Full PDB file with SEQRES, HELIX, SHEET, SSBOND, CRYST1, ORIGX, SCALE, CONECT and MASTER records, all heavy atoms in Angstrom:
SEQRES   1 A   33  GLN ARG GLU PHE VAL SER MET ALA SER HIS GLU PHE ARG          
SEQRES   2 A   33  THR PRO LEU ALA ILE ILE ALA SER ASN ALA GLN ARG LEU          
SEQRES   3 A   33  GLN ARG ARG LEU ASP LYS ALA                                  
HELIX    1 AA1 ARG A    2  GLU A   11  1                                  10    
HELIX    2 AA2 ARG A   13  LYS A   32  1                                  20    
CRYST1    1.000    1.000    1.000  90.00  90.00  90.00 P 1           1          
ORIGX1      1.000000  0.000000  0.000000        0.00000                         
ORIGX2      0.000000  1.000000  0.000000        0.00000                         
ORIGX3      0.000000  0.000000  1.000000        0.00000                         
SCALE1      1.000000  0.000000  0.000000        0.00000                         
SCALE2      0.000000  1.000000  0.000000        0.00000                         
SCALE3      0.000000  0.000000  1.000000        0.00000                         
ATOM      1  N   GLN A   1       3.444  30.241  11.827  1.00  0.00           N  
ATOM      2  CA  GLN A   1       2.771  29.219  12.618  1.00  0.00           C  
ATOM      3  C   GLN A   1       1.600  28.596  11.875  1.00  0.00           C  
ATOM      4  O   GLN A   1       1.404  27.388  11.887  1.00  0.00           O  
ATOM      5  CB  GLN A   1       2.315  29.811  13.953  1.00  0.00           C  
ATOM      6  CG  GLN A   1       3.452  30.173  14.902  1.00  0.00           C  
ATOM      7  CD  GLN A   1       2.976  30.854  16.159  1.00  0.00           C  
ATOM      8  OE1 GLN A   1       1.834  31.315  16.220  1.00  0.00           O  
ATOM      9  NE2 GLN A   1       3.840  30.918  17.163  1.00  0.00           N  
ATOM     10  N   ARG A   2       0.852  29.468  11.205  1.00  0.00           N  
ATOM     11  CA  ARG A   2      -0.267  28.954  10.408  1.00  0.00           C  
ATOM     12  C   ARG A   2       0.252  28.091   9.261  1.00  0.00           C  
ATOM     13  O   ARG A   2      -0.290  27.017   8.974  1.00  0.00           O  
ATOM     14  CB  ARG A   2      -1.101  30.110   9.875  1.00  0.00           C  
ATOM     15  CG  ARG A   2      -1.890  30.857  10.971  1.00  0.00           C  
ATOM     16  CD  ARG A   2      -2.909  31.790  10.351  1.00  0.00           C  
ATOM     17  NE  ARG A   2      -2.296  32.823   9.524  1.00  0.00           N  
ATOM     18  CZ  ARG A   2      -1.897  34.010  10.004  1.00  0.00           C  
ATOM     19  NH1 ARG A   2      -2.051  34.290  11.304  1.00  0.00           N  
ATOM     20  NH2 ARG A   2      -1.349  34.912   9.222  1.00  0.00           N  
ATOM     21  N   GLU A   3       1.331  28.574   8.615  1.00  0.00           N  
ATOM     22  CA  GLU A   3       1.903  27.788   7.536  1.00  0.00           C  
ATOM     23  C   GLU A   3       2.476  26.481   8.022  1.00  0.00           C  
ATOM     24  O   GLU A   3       2.403  25.443   7.365  1.00  0.00           O  
ATOM     25  CB  GLU A   3       2.996  28.602   6.833  1.00  0.00           C  
ATOM     26  CG  GLU A   3       2.461  29.825   6.074  1.00  0.00           C  
ATOM     27  CD  GLU A   3       3.593  30.633   5.457  1.00  0.00           C  
ATOM     28  OE1 GLU A   3       4.761  30.322   5.758  1.00  0.00           O  
ATOM     29  OE2 GLU A   3       3.283  31.546   4.693  1.00  0.00           O  
ATOM     30  N   PHE A   4       3.064  26.532   9.247  1.00  0.00           N  
ATOM     31  CA  PHE A   4       3.639  25.307   9.819  1.00  0.00           C  
ATOM     32  C   PHE A   4       2.550  24.261  10.054  1.00  0.00           C  
ATOM     33  O   PHE A   4       2.747  23.076   9.769  1.00  0.00           O  
ATOM     34  CB  PHE A   4       4.351  25.651  11.129  1.00  0.00           C  
ATOM     35  CG  PHE A   4       4.844  24.451  11.855  1.00  0.00           C  
ATOM     36  CD1 PHE A   4       6.009  23.814  11.482  1.00  0.00           C  
ATOM     37  CD2 PHE A   4       4.131  23.942  12.921  1.00  0.00           C  
ATOM     38  CE1 PHE A   4       6.464  22.694  12.163  1.00  0.00           C  
ATOM     39  CE2 PHE A   4       4.571  22.825  13.611  1.00  0.00           C  
ATOM     40  CZ  PHE A   4       5.743  22.188  13.237  1.00  0.00           C  
ATOM     41  N   VAL A   5       1.426  24.695  10.592  1.00  0.00           N  
ATOM     42  CA  VAL A   5       0.324  23.753  10.835  1.00  0.00           C  
ATOM     43  C   VAL A   5      -0.122  23.102   9.554  1.00  0.00           C  
ATOM     44  O   VAL A   5      -0.324  21.897   9.465  1.00  0.00           O  
ATOM     45  CB  VAL A   5      -0.850  24.467  11.544  1.00  0.00           C  
ATOM     46  CG1 VAL A   5      -2.082  23.550  11.624  1.00  0.00           C  
ATOM     47  CG2 VAL A   5      -0.428  24.935  12.927  1.00  0.00           C  
ATOM     48  N   SER A   6      -0.243  23.948   8.500  1.00  0.00           N  
ATOM     49  CA  SER A   6      -0.673  23.411   7.206  1.00  0.00           C  
ATOM     50  C   SER A   6       0.362  22.459   6.650  1.00  0.00           C  
ATOM     51  O   SER A   6       0.042  21.377   6.166  1.00  0.00           O  
ATOM     52  CB  SER A   6      -0.932  24.579   6.245  1.00  0.00           C  
ATOM     53  OG  SER A   6      -1.206  24.094   4.972  1.00  0.00           O  
ATOM     54  N   MET A   7       1.677  22.872   6.719  1.00  0.00           N  
ATOM     55  CA  MET A   7       2.758  22.048   6.190  1.00  0.00           C  
ATOM     56  C   MET A   7       2.877  20.745   6.987  1.00  0.00           C  
ATOM     57  O   MET A   7       3.029  19.663   6.426  1.00  0.00           O  
ATOM     58  CB  MET A   7       4.085  22.818   6.228  1.00  0.00           C  
ATOM     59  CG  MET A   7       5.282  21.998   5.753  1.00  0.00           C  
ATOM     60  SD  MET A   7       5.177  21.587   4.001  1.00  0.00           S  
ATOM     61  CE  MET A   7       5.354  23.198   3.277  1.00  0.00           C  
ATOM     62  N   ALA A   8       2.805  20.879   8.327  1.00  0.00           N  
ATOM     63  CA  ALA A   8       2.955  19.695   9.160  1.00  0.00           C  
ATOM     64  C   ALA A   8       1.845  18.679   8.908  1.00  0.00           C  
ATOM     65  O   ALA A   8       2.091  17.478   8.851  1.00  0.00           O  
ATOM     66  CB  ALA A   8       3.004  20.088  10.630  1.00  0.00           C  
ATOM     67  N   SER A   9       0.632  19.181   8.746  1.00  0.00           N  
ATOM     68  CA  SER A   9      -0.484  18.264   8.508  1.00  0.00           C  
ATOM     69  C   SER A   9      -0.300  17.501   7.202  1.00  0.00           C  
ATOM     70  O   SER A   9      -0.709  16.361   7.070  1.00  0.00           O  
ATOM     71  CB  SER A   9      -1.790  19.032   8.479  1.00  0.00           C  
ATOM     72  OG  SER A   9      -1.794  19.962   7.403  1.00  0.00           O  
ATOM     73  N   HIS A  10       0.363  18.152   6.240  1.00  0.00           N  
ATOM     74  CA  HIS A  10       0.602  17.514   4.951  1.00  0.00           C  
ATOM     75  C   HIS A  10       1.783  16.552   5.050  1.00  0.00           C  
ATOM     76  O   HIS A  10       1.715  15.419   4.587  1.00  0.00           O  
ATOM     77  CB  HIS A  10       0.820  18.571   3.877  1.00  0.00           C  
ATOM     78  CG  HIS A  10       1.234  17.972   2.567  1.00  0.00           C  
ATOM     79  ND1 HIS A  10       0.370  17.314   1.717  1.00  0.00           N  
ATOM     80  CD2 HIS A  10       2.447  17.953   1.961  1.00  0.00           C  
ATOM     81  CE1 HIS A  10       1.022  16.898   0.661  1.00  0.00           C  
ATOM     82  NE2 HIS A  10       2.303  17.288   0.770  1.00  0.00           N  
ATOM     83  N   GLU A  11       2.934  17.043   5.615  1.00  0.00           N  
ATOM     84  CA  GLU A  11       4.150  16.274   5.622  1.00  0.00           C  
ATOM     85  C   GLU A  11       4.099  15.119   6.607  1.00  0.00           C  
ATOM     86  O   GLU A  11       4.716  14.080   6.384  1.00  0.00           O  
ATOM     87  CB  GLU A  11       5.335  17.184   5.954  1.00  0.00           C  
ATOM     88  CG  GLU A  11       5.685  18.211   4.891  1.00  0.00           C  
ATOM     89  CD  GLU A  11       6.199  17.527   3.624  1.00  0.00           C  
ATOM     90  OE1 GLU A  11       6.752  16.393   3.743  1.00  0.00           O  
ATOM     91  OE2 GLU A  11       6.027  18.088   2.536  1.00  0.00           O  
ATOM     92  N   PHE A  12       3.401  15.318   7.736  1.00  0.00           N  
ATOM     93  CA  PHE A  12       3.353  14.254   8.736  1.00  0.00           C  
ATOM     94  C   PHE A  12       2.336  13.171   8.389  1.00  0.00           C  
ATOM     95  O   PHE A  12       2.351  12.074   8.968  1.00  0.00           O  
ATOM     96  CB  PHE A  12       2.994  14.832  10.100  1.00  0.00           C  
ATOM     97  CG  PHE A  12       4.085  15.687  10.709  1.00  0.00           C  
ATOM     98  CD1 PHE A  12       3.834  16.449  11.845  1.00  0.00           C  
ATOM     99  CD2 PHE A  12       5.332  15.730  10.141  1.00  0.00           C  
ATOM    100  CE1 PHE A  12       4.826  17.234  12.384  1.00  0.00           C  
ATOM    101  CE2 PHE A  12       6.338  16.501  10.671  1.00  0.00           C  
ATOM    102  CZ  PHE A  12       6.094  17.273  11.809  1.00  0.00           C  
ATOM    103  N   ARG A  13       1.414  13.449   7.448  1.00  0.00           N  
ATOM    104  CA  ARG A  13       0.337  12.489   7.148  1.00  0.00           C  
ATOM    105  C   ARG A  13       0.913  11.182   6.612  1.00  0.00           C  
ATOM    106  O   ARG A  13       0.487  10.081   7.010  1.00  0.00           O  
ATOM    107  CB  ARG A  13      -0.632  13.124   6.139  1.00  0.00           C  
ATOM    108  CG  ARG A  13      -1.847  12.230   5.870  1.00  0.00           C  
ATOM    109  CD  ARG A  13      -2.805  12.896   4.919  1.00  0.00           C  
ATOM    110  NE  ARG A  13      -3.383  14.106   5.508  1.00  0.00           N  
ATOM    111  CZ  ARG A  13      -3.221  15.326   5.002  1.00  0.00           C  
ATOM    112  NH1 ARG A  13      -2.493  15.477   3.908  1.00  0.00           N  
ATOM    113  NH2 ARG A  13      -3.757  16.381   5.588  1.00  0.00           N  
ATOM    114  N   THR A  14       1.916  11.279   5.709  1.00  0.00           N  
ATOM    115  CA  THR A  14       2.453  10.080   5.086  1.00  0.00           C  
ATOM    116  C   THR A  14       3.183   9.191   6.088  1.00  0.00           C  
ATOM    117  O   THR A  14       2.889   7.981   6.192  1.00  0.00           O  
ATOM    118  CB  THR A  14       3.412  10.468   3.926  1.00  0.00           C  
ATOM    119  OG1 THR A  14       2.648  11.197   2.951  1.00  0.00           O  
ATOM    120  CG2 THR A  14       4.016   9.220   3.299  1.00  0.00           C  
ATOM    121  N   PRO A  15       4.191   9.706   6.868  1.00  0.00           N  
ATOM    122  CA  PRO A  15       4.841   8.798   7.848  1.00  0.00           C  
ATOM    123  C   PRO A  15       3.871   8.281   8.889  1.00  0.00           C  
ATOM    124  O   PRO A  15       4.021   7.129   9.345  1.00  0.00           O  
ATOM    125  CB  PRO A  15       5.936   9.687   8.450  1.00  0.00           C  
ATOM    126  CG  PRO A  15       5.552  11.078   8.130  1.00  0.00           C  
ATOM    127  CD  PRO A  15       4.791  11.033   6.847  1.00  0.00           C  
ATOM    128  N   LEU A  16       2.909   9.066   9.297  1.00  0.00           N  
ATOM    129  CA  LEU A  16       1.942   8.568  10.275  1.00  0.00           C  
ATOM    130  C   LEU A  16       1.108   7.447   9.683  1.00  0.00           C  
ATOM    131  O   LEU A  16       0.768   6.468  10.377  1.00  0.00           O  
ATOM    132  CB  LEU A  16       1.053   9.724  10.737  1.00  0.00           C  
ATOM    133  CG  LEU A  16       1.691  10.730  11.720  1.00  0.00           C  
ATOM    134  CD1 LEU A  16       0.735  11.895  11.955  1.00  0.00           C  
ATOM    135  CD2 LEU A  16       2.036  10.044  13.036  1.00  0.00           C  
ATOM    136  N   ALA A  17       0.742   7.589   8.428  1.00  0.00           N  
ATOM    137  CA  ALA A  17      -0.019   6.522   7.769  1.00  0.00           C  
ATOM    138  C   ALA A  17       0.780   5.235   7.685  1.00  0.00           C  
ATOM    139  O   ALA A  17       0.247   4.124   7.875  1.00  0.00           O  
ATOM    140  CB  ALA A  17      -0.473   6.974   6.368  1.00  0.00           C  
ATOM    141  N   ILE A  18       2.073   5.364   7.387  1.00  0.00           N  
ATOM    142  CA  ILE A  18       2.958   4.173   7.315  1.00  0.00           C  
ATOM    143  C   ILE A  18       3.053   3.526   8.660  1.00  0.00           C  
ATOM    144  O   ILE A  18       2.981   2.299   8.783  1.00  0.00           O  
ATOM    145  CB  ILE A  18       4.356   4.591   6.783  1.00  0.00           C  
ATOM    146  CG1 ILE A  18       4.250   5.076   5.334  1.00  0.00           C  
ATOM    147  CG2 ILE A  18       5.331   3.418   6.883  1.00  0.00           C  
ATOM    148  CD1 ILE A  18       5.544   5.640   4.781  1.00  0.00           C  
ATOM    149  N   ILE A  19       3.253   4.333   9.729  1.00  0.00           N  
ATOM    150  CA  ILE A  19       3.342   3.798  11.082  1.00  0.00           C  
ATOM    151  C   ILE A  19       2.050   3.070  11.448  1.00  0.00           C  
ATOM    152  O   ILE A  19       2.055   1.925  11.950  1.00  0.00           O  
ATOM    153  CB  ILE A  19       3.635   4.922  12.094  1.00  0.00           C  
ATOM    154  CG1 ILE A  19       5.047   5.460  11.861  1.00  0.00           C  
ATOM    155  CG2 ILE A  19       3.501   4.411  13.515  1.00  0.00           C  
ATOM    156  CD1 ILE A  19       5.357   6.689  12.689  1.00  0.00           C  
ATOM    157  N   ALA A  20       0.930   3.723  11.180  1.00  0.00           N  
ATOM    158  CA  ALA A  20      -0.360   3.106  11.510  1.00  0.00           C  
ATOM    159  C   ALA A  20      -0.595   1.824  10.744  1.00  0.00           C  
ATOM    160  O   ALA A  20      -1.062   0.818  11.302  1.00  0.00           O  
ATOM    161  CB  ALA A  20      -1.486   4.113  11.239  1.00  0.00           C  
ATOM    162  N   SER A  21      -0.248   1.831   9.433  1.00  0.00           N  
ATOM    163  CA  SER A  21      -0.498   0.655   8.612  1.00  0.00           C  
ATOM    164  C   SER A  21       0.339  -0.517   9.065  1.00  0.00           C  
ATOM    165  O   SER A  21      -0.185  -1.657   9.239  1.00  0.00           O  
ATOM    166  CB  SER A  21      -0.166   0.991   7.139  1.00  0.00           C  
ATOM    167  OG  SER A  21      -0.224  -0.179   6.347  1.00  0.00           O  
ATOM    168  N   ASN A  22       1.631  -0.288   9.318  1.00  0.00           N  
ATOM    169  CA  ASN A  22       2.511  -1.378   9.761  1.00  0.00           C  
ATOM    170  C   ASN A  22       2.124  -1.877  11.150  1.00  0.00           C  
ATOM    171  O   ASN A  22       2.178  -3.084  11.451  1.00  0.00           O  
ATOM    172  CB  ASN A  22       3.960  -0.924   9.739  1.00  0.00           C  
ATOM    173  CG  ASN A  22       4.546  -0.923   8.370  1.00  0.00           C  
ATOM    174  OD1 ASN A  22       5.032  -1.943   7.849  1.00  0.00           O  
ATOM    175  ND2 ASN A  22       4.521   0.258   7.715  1.00  0.00           N  
ATOM    176  N   ALA A  23       1.733  -0.949  12.010  1.00  0.00           N  
ATOM    177  CA  ALA A  23       1.323  -1.356  13.373  1.00  0.00           C  
ATOM    178  C   ALA A  23       0.048  -2.217  13.314  1.00  0.00           C  
ATOM    179  O   ALA A  23      -0.074  -3.215  14.018  1.00  0.00           O  
ATOM    180  CB  ALA A  23       1.112  -0.111  14.245  1.00  0.00           C  
ATOM    181  N   GLN A  24      -0.889  -1.834  12.448  1.00  0.00           N  
ATOM    182  CA  GLN A  24      -2.129  -2.599  12.320  1.00  0.00           C  
ATOM    183  C   GLN A  24      -1.859  -3.982  11.780  1.00  0.00           C  
ATOM    184  O   GLN A  24      -2.451  -4.980  12.237  1.00  0.00           O  
ATOM    185  CB  GLN A  24      -3.121  -1.839  11.430  1.00  0.00           C  
ATOM    186  CG  GLN A  24      -3.708  -0.598  12.058  1.00  0.00           C  
ATOM    187  CD  GLN A  24      -4.543   0.200  11.070  1.00  0.00           C  
ATOM    188  OE1 GLN A  24      -4.729  -0.211   9.934  1.00  0.00           O  
ATOM    189  NE2 GLN A  24      -5.024   1.360  11.524  1.00  0.00           N  
ATOM    190  N   ARG A  25      -0.996  -4.107  10.768  1.00  0.00           N  
ATOM    191  CA  ARG A  25      -0.690  -5.411  10.191  1.00  0.00           C  
ATOM    192  C   ARG A  25      -0.041  -6.342  11.209  1.00  0.00           C  
ATOM    193  O   ARG A  25      -0.338  -7.507  11.331  1.00  0.00           O  
ATOM    194  CB  ARG A  25       0.194  -5.247   8.966  1.00  0.00           C  
ATOM    195  CG  ARG A  25      -0.511  -4.611   7.805  1.00  0.00           C  
ATOM    196  CD  ARG A  25       0.424  -4.505   6.601  1.00  0.00           C  
ATOM    197  NE  ARG A  25      -0.256  -3.861   5.475  1.00  0.00           N  
ATOM    198  CZ  ARG A  25       0.324  -3.641   4.309  1.00  0.00           C  
ATOM    199  NH1 ARG A  25       1.595  -4.040   4.114  1.00  0.00           N  
ATOM    200  NH2 ARG A  25      -0.351  -3.064   3.324  1.00  0.00           N  
ATOM    201  N   LEU A  26       0.932  -5.741  11.982  1.00  0.00           N  
ATOM    202  CA  LEU A  26       1.572  -6.535  13.022  1.00  0.00           C  
ATOM    203  C   LEU A  26       0.545  -6.988  14.053  1.00  0.00           C  
ATOM    204  O   LEU A  26       0.575  -8.137  14.520  1.00  0.00           O  
ATOM    205  CB  LEU A  26       2.680  -5.718  13.696  1.00  0.00           C  
ATOM    206  CG  LEU A  26       4.005  -5.552  12.902  1.00  0.00           C  
ATOM    207  CD1 LEU A  26       4.947  -4.616  13.629  1.00  0.00           C  
ATOM    208  CD2 LEU A  26       4.677  -6.914  12.706  1.00  0.00           C  
ATOM    209  N   GLN A  27      -0.333  -6.043  14.434  1.00  0.00           N  
ATOM    210  CA  GLN A  27      -1.341  -6.377  15.429  1.00  0.00           C  
ATOM    211  C   GLN A  27      -2.262  -7.494  14.927  1.00  0.00           C  
ATOM    212  O   GLN A  27      -2.572  -8.437  15.669  1.00  0.00           O  
ATOM    213  CB  GLN A  27      -2.164  -5.127  15.785  1.00  0.00           C  
ATOM    214  CG  GLN A  27      -3.140  -5.334  16.923  1.00  0.00           C  
ATOM    215  CD  GLN A  27      -2.432  -5.628  18.232  1.00  0.00           C  
ATOM    216  OE1 GLN A  27      -1.482  -4.928  18.583  1.00  0.00           O  
ATOM    217  NE2 GLN A  27      -2.854  -6.710  18.940  1.00  0.00           N  
ATOM    218  N   ARG A  28      -2.693  -7.426  13.624  1.00  0.00           N  
ATOM    219  CA  ARG A  28      -3.547  -8.476  13.096  1.00  0.00           C  
ATOM    220  C   ARG A  28      -2.859  -9.831  13.056  1.00  0.00           C  
ATOM    221  O   ARG A  28      -3.451 -10.867  13.390  1.00  0.00           O  
ATOM    222  CB  ARG A  28      -4.029  -8.078  11.678  1.00  0.00           C  
ATOM    223  CG  ARG A  28      -5.101  -6.988  11.673  1.00  0.00           C  
ATOM    224  CD  ARG A  28      -5.805  -6.956  10.331  1.00  0.00           C  
ATOM    225  NE  ARG A  28      -4.907  -6.625   9.244  1.00  0.00           N  
ATOM    226  CZ  ARG A  28      -4.666  -5.368   8.813  1.00  0.00           C  
ATOM    227  NH1 ARG A  28      -5.274  -4.358   9.416  1.00  0.00           N  
ATOM    228  NH2 ARG A  28      -3.840  -5.172   7.819  1.00  0.00           N  
ATOM    229  N   ARG A  29      -1.575  -9.823  12.677  1.00  0.00           N  
ATOM    230  CA  ARG A  29      -0.841 -11.074  12.619  1.00  0.00           C  
ATOM    231  C   ARG A  29      -0.683 -11.667  14.026  1.00  0.00           C  
ATOM    232  O   ARG A  29      -0.817 -12.888  14.225  1.00  0.00           O  
ATOM    233  CB  ARG A  29       0.544 -10.858  12.012  1.00  0.00           C  
ATOM    234  CG  ARG A  29       0.505 -10.460  10.533  1.00  0.00           C  
ATOM    235  CD  ARG A  29       0.114 -11.680   9.657  1.00  0.00           C  
ATOM    236  NE  ARG A  29       1.110 -12.695   9.681  1.00  0.00           N  
ATOM    237  CZ  ARG A  29       2.169 -12.752   8.869  1.00  0.00           C  
ATOM    238  NH1 ARG A  29       2.347 -11.811   7.956  1.00  0.00           N  
ATOM    239  NH2 ARG A  29       3.010 -13.760   8.961  1.00  0.00           N  
ATOM    240  N   LEU A  30      -0.404 -10.767  14.986  1.00  0.00           N  
ATOM    241  CA  LEU A  30      -0.251 -11.255  16.370  1.00  0.00           C  
ATOM    242  C   LEU A  30      -1.597 -11.771  16.913  1.00  0.00           C  
ATOM    243  O   LEU A  30      -1.634 -12.806  17.602  1.00  0.00           O  
ATOM    244  CB  LEU A  30       0.290 -10.137  17.262  1.00  0.00           C  
ATOM    245  CG  LEU A  30       1.757  -9.720  17.014  1.00  0.00           C  
ATOM    246  CD1 LEU A  30       2.111  -8.485  17.855  1.00  0.00           C  
ATOM    247  CD2 LEU A  30       2.708 -10.874  17.375  1.00  0.00           C  
ATOM    248  N   ASP A  31      -2.695 -11.042  16.618  1.00  0.00           N  
ATOM    249  CA  ASP A  31      -4.030 -11.481  17.076  1.00  0.00           C  
ATOM    250  C   ASP A  31      -4.399 -12.833  16.456  1.00  0.00           C  
ATOM    251  O   ASP A  31      -4.942 -13.719  17.132  1.00  0.00           O  
ATOM    252  CB  ASP A  31      -5.093 -10.435  16.718  1.00  0.00           C  
ATOM    253  CG  ASP A  31      -4.908  -9.168  17.559  1.00  0.00           C  
ATOM    254  OD1 ASP A  31      -4.190  -9.210  18.567  1.00  0.00           O  
ATOM    255  OD2 ASP A  31      -5.475  -8.117  17.155  1.00  0.00           O  
ATOM    256  N   LYS A  32      -4.100 -12.981  15.174  1.00  0.00           N  
ATOM    257  CA  LYS A  32      -4.452 -14.212  14.467  1.00  0.00           C  
ATOM    258  C   LYS A  32      -3.652 -15.382  14.996  1.00  0.00           C  
ATOM    259  O   LYS A  32      -4.149 -16.494  15.177  1.00  0.00           O  
ATOM    260  CB  LYS A  32      -4.233 -14.043  12.965  1.00  0.00           C  
ATOM    261  CG  LYS A  32      -4.715 -15.229  12.137  1.00  0.00           C  
ATOM    262  CD  LYS A  32      -4.555 -14.915  10.658  1.00  0.00           C  
ATOM    263  CE  LYS A  32      -5.085 -16.090   9.826  1.00  0.00           C  
ATOM    264  NZ  LYS A  32      -4.950 -15.812   8.372  1.00  0.00           N  
ATOM    265  N   ALA A  33      -2.364 -15.098  15.289  1.00  0.00           N  
ATOM    266  CA  ALA A  33      -1.511 -16.160  15.832  1.00  0.00           C  
ATOM    267  C   ALA A  33      -1.960 -16.576  17.232  1.00  0.00           C  
ATOM    268  O   ALA A  33      -1.828 -17.721  17.660  1.00  0.00           O  
ATOM    269  CB  ALA A  33      -0.048 -15.725  15.847  1.00  0.00           C  
TER     270      ALA A  33                                                      
MASTER        0    0    0    2    0    0    0    6  269    1    0    3          
END                                                                             
C-alpha cells in the first residue's frame, strides 16, 4: 500500500498534468472567444 501510494503519485502525475494542461488551454480559448 505504501509502495502503491508512492508509485501512483509518480505514474498518475503525468496524465493528470496533461489533462489539466489541455483543459486549461481549452478554457482559455473559450474565455477569450
